[in-house]
Every structure is written in C-alpha cells, then in structure tokens.
C-alpha cells in the first residue's frame, strides 16, 4: 500500500524551483494589484506560510526581492526569473525531442 502512496504523492520542489515559483507569483500579482502580500504569494505557490516567510527572508538577503510595504522583484530577481524560464524551456524542448525519437 505504501508503494501506491508514493506514486500518487506530489514530487517535492527544490529550493530554486520554489524561488522561481515565488518570483513568478510576485510578478503575476504585481500586474493585477498595487501591493503584493505574502498571503497571496502563499496561495499561488501552494506552500505553508512558515516556509514562505523563511524563503522570503532568504530571497531578501540574496537581493532577489525587496520588501517595504509591498514585495517587489529586484532587477537581479527578474534576471533569475528570465534565466530559469529559459532553462525550463530548454529542458522541455530536449524532453520532447527524446520522446519523438
């Protein structure tokens, strides 16, 4: 029975994937709202509030985001988002090519 549970369980995201998901949520939410709150990011990223606050602190220290009244993505954060998106696209393209062979 435990074997079936593992196949159904969602695969865990890496820290860098969570960073990407958080930046994506901030970018998306900032287009629709004047301010971005941690709660909205939490729901979009489907993560616990405790884990999110830990990652937000790490991301501030790494200058990926800035937070005053609202959370914003820095230039460094946007560069990370663009680069990670390109890497994901490359991986998907290679995966499609492999399946097609």
C-alpha atoms as a PDB file:
ATOM      1  CA  UNK A   1       0.000   0.000   0.000  1.00  0.00           C
ATOM      2  CA  UNK A   2       2.840   2.391   0.762  1.00  0.00           C
ATOM      3  CA  UNK A   3       4.191   1.955  -2.781  1.00  0.00           C
ATOM      4  CA  UNK A   4       0.906   3.241  -4.226  1.00  0.00           C
ATOM      5  CA  UNK A   5       1.000   6.292  -1.966  1.00  0.00           C
ATOM      6  CA  UNK A   6       4.429   7.315  -3.249  1.00  0.00           C
ATOM      7  CA  UNK A   7       3.317   7.215  -6.865  1.00  0.00           C
ATOM      8  CA  UNK A   8       0.343   9.451  -6.060  1.00  0.00           C
ATOM      9  CA  UNK A   9       2.258  11.861  -3.810  1.00  0.00           C
ATOM     10  CA  UNK A  10       3.392  15.118  -5.390  1.00  0.00           C
ATOM     11  CA  UNK A  11       7.065  15.408  -6.164  1.00  0.00           C
ATOM     12  CA  UNK A  12       8.897  17.811  -3.846  1.00  0.00           C
ATOM     13  CA  UNK A  13      10.178  21.052  -5.325  1.00  0.00           C
ATOM     14  CA  UNK A  14      13.766  22.128  -4.969  1.00  0.00           C
ATOM     15  CA  UNK A  15      14.623  25.409  -3.262  1.00  0.00           C
ATOM     16  CA  UNK A  16      15.456  27.015  -6.586  1.00  0.00           C
ATOM     17  CA  UNK A  17      12.093  25.882  -8.009  1.00  0.00           C
ATOM     18  CA  UNK A  18      10.343  27.438  -5.007  1.00  0.00           C
ATOM     19  CA  UNK A  19      12.290  30.676  -5.541  1.00  0.00           C
ATOM     20  CA  UNK A  20      11.140  30.668  -9.164  1.00  0.00           C
ATOM     21  CA  UNK A  21       7.523  29.982  -8.144  1.00  0.00           C
ATOM     22  CA  UNK A  22       7.646  32.815  -5.587  1.00  0.00           C
ATOM     23  CA  UNK A  23       9.126  35.297  -8.073  1.00  0.00           C
ATOM     24  CA  UNK A  24       6.532  34.214 -10.668  1.00  0.00           C
ATOM     25  CA  UNK A  25       3.719  34.762  -8.162  1.00  0.00           C
ATOM     26  CA  UNK A  26       5.041  38.224  -7.261  1.00  0.00           C
ATOM     27  CA  UNK A  27       5.400  39.226 -10.923  1.00  0.00           C
ATOM     28  CA  UNK A  28       1.910  37.965 -11.770  1.00  0.00           C
ATOM     29  CA  UNK A  29       0.293  39.535  -8.711  1.00  0.00           C
ATOM     30  CA  UNK A  30       2.033  42.903  -9.166  1.00  0.00           C
ATOM     31  CA  UNK A  31       0.489  43.200 -12.644  1.00  0.00           C
ATOM     32  CA  UNK A  32      -3.013  42.956 -11.162  1.00  0.00           C
ATOM     33  CA  UNK A  33      -2.607  44.736  -7.804  1.00  0.00           C
ATOM     34  CA  UNK A  34      -0.892  47.760  -6.306  1.00  0.00           C
ATOM     35  CA  UNK A  35       0.601  45.714  -3.474  1.00  0.00           C
ATOM     36  CA  UNK A  36       1.662  42.100  -3.146  1.00  0.00           C
ATOM     37  CA  UNK A  37       1.052  40.338   0.169  1.00  0.00           C
ATOM     38  CA  UNK A  38       2.712  37.188   1.494  1.00  0.00           C
ATOM     39  CA  UNK A  39      -0.692  35.524   1.841  1.00  0.00           C
ATOM     40  CA  UNK A  40      -1.446  35.843  -1.882  1.00  0.00           C
ATOM     41  CA  UNK A  41       2.018  34.504  -2.726  1.00  0.00           C
ATOM     42  CA  UNK A  42       1.451  31.592  -0.327  1.00  0.00           C
ATOM     43  CA  UNK A  43      -1.735  30.537  -2.107  1.00  0.00           C
ATOM     44  CA  UNK A  44      -0.252  30.907  -5.590  1.00  0.00           C
ATOM     45  CA  UNK A  45       2.826  28.867  -4.610  1.00  0.00           C
ATOM     46  CA  UNK A  46       0.874  26.276  -2.646  1.00  0.00           C
ATOM     47  CA  UNK A  47       3.262  26.307   0.312  1.00  0.00           C
ATOM     48  CA  UNK A  48       2.997  26.785   4.059  1.00  0.00           C
ATOM     49  CA  UNK A  49       3.198  30.291   5.467  1.00  0.00           C
ATOM     50  CA  UNK A  50       6.166  29.360   7.686  1.00  0.00           C
ATOM     51  CA  UNK A  51       8.138  28.007   4.731  1.00  0.00           C
ATOM     52  CA  UNK A  52       7.217  31.021   2.617  1.00  0.00           C
ATOM     53  CA  UNK A  53       8.411  33.547   5.226  1.00  0.00           C
ATOM     54  CA  UNK A  54      11.702  31.643   5.527  1.00  0.00           C
ATOM     55  CA  UNK A  55      12.213  31.751   1.751  1.00  0.00           C
ATOM     56  CA  UNK A  56      11.198  35.415   1.521  1.00  0.00           C
ATOM     57  CA  UNK A  57      13.883  36.270   4.098  1.00  0.00           C
ATOM     58  CA  UNK A  58      16.495  34.274   2.173  1.00  0.00           C
ATOM     59  CA  UNK A  59      15.464  35.951  -1.062  1.00  0.00           C
ATOM     60  CA  UNK A  60      15.746  39.414   0.530  1.00  0.00           C
ATOM     61  CA  UNK A  61      19.249  38.570   1.760  1.00  0.00           C
ATOM     62  CA  UNK A  62      20.182  37.459  -1.768  1.00  0.00           C
ATOM     63  CA  UNK A  63      18.609  40.641  -3.202  1.00  0.00           C
ATOM     64  CA  UNK A  64      16.142  38.714  -5.354  1.00  0.00           C
ATOM     65  CA  UNK A  65      13.222  40.599  -3.802  1.00  0.00           C
ATOM     66  CA  UNK A  66      12.768  43.817  -1.841  1.00  0.00           C
ATOM     67  CA  UNK A  67      10.100  44.385   0.771  1.00  0.00           C
ATOM     68  CA  UNK A  68       8.901  47.621   2.243  1.00  0.00           C
ATOM     69  CA  UNK A  69       5.122  47.987   2.291  1.00  0.00           C
ATOM     70  CA  UNK A  70       4.814  45.565  -0.602  1.00  0.00           C
ATOM     71  CA  UNK A  71       7.004  42.794  -2.005  1.00  0.00           C
ATOM     72  CA  UNK A  72       8.767  43.607  -5.266  1.00  0.00           C
ATOM     73  CA  UNK A  73      11.138  41.699  -7.515  1.00  0.00           C
ATOM     74  CA  UNK A  74      14.555  43.333  -7.939  1.00  0.00           C
ATOM     75  CA  UNK A  75      16.476  43.534 -11.221  1.00  0.00           C
ATOM     76  CA  UNK A  76      18.554  40.591 -10.004  1.00  0.00           C
ATOM     77  CA  UNK A  77      15.322  38.686  -9.298  1.00  0.00           C
ATOM     78  CA  UNK A  78      13.986  39.409 -12.790  1.00  0.00           C
ATOM     79  CA  UNK A  79      17.251  38.185 -14.327  1.00  0.00           C
ATOM     80  CA  UNK A  80      16.960  34.976 -12.272  1.00  0.00           C
ATOM     81  CA  UNK A  81      13.338  34.550 -13.426  1.00  0.00           C
ATOM     82  CA  UNK A  82      14.249  35.025 -17.098  1.00  0.00           C
ATOM     83  CA  UNK A  83      17.259  32.692 -16.928  1.00  0.00           C
ATOM     84  CA  UNK A  84      15.343  29.976 -15.085  1.00  0.00           C
ATOM     85  CA  UNK A  85      12.499  30.241 -17.615  1.00  0.00           C
ATOM     86  CA  UNK A  86      14.975  29.733 -20.470  1.00  0.00           C
ATOM     87  CA  UNK A  87      16.460  26.689 -18.742  1.00  0.00           C
ATOM     88  CA  UNK A  88      12.976  25.204 -18.243  1.00  0.00           C
ATOM     89  CA  UNK A  89      12.132  25.776 -21.907  1.00  0.00           C
ATOM     90  CA  UNK A  90      15.372  24.105 -22.986  1.00  0.00           C
ATOM     91  CA  UNK A  91      14.671  21.075 -20.781  1.00  0.00           C
ATOM     92  CA  UNK A  92      11.137  20.771 -22.189  1.00  0.00           C
ATOM     93  CA  UNK A  93      12.418  21.009 -25.770  1.00  0.00           C
ATOM     94  CA  UNK A  94      15.044  18.328 -25.169  1.00  0.00           C
ATOM     95  CA  UNK A  95      12.454  16.103 -23.458  1.00  0.00           C
ATOM     96  CA  UNK A  96      10.107  16.447 -26.452  1.00  0.00           C
ATOM     97  CA  UNK A  97      12.921  15.569 -28.857  1.00  0.00           C
ATOM     98  CA  UNK A  98      13.837  12.484 -26.857  1.00  0.00           C
ATOM     99  CA  UNK A  99      10.216  11.294 -26.757  1.00  0.00           C
ATOM    100  CA  UNK A 100       9.844  11.852 -30.500  1.00  0.00           C
ATOM    101  CA  UNK A 101      12.770   9.567 -31.319  1.00  0.00           C
END
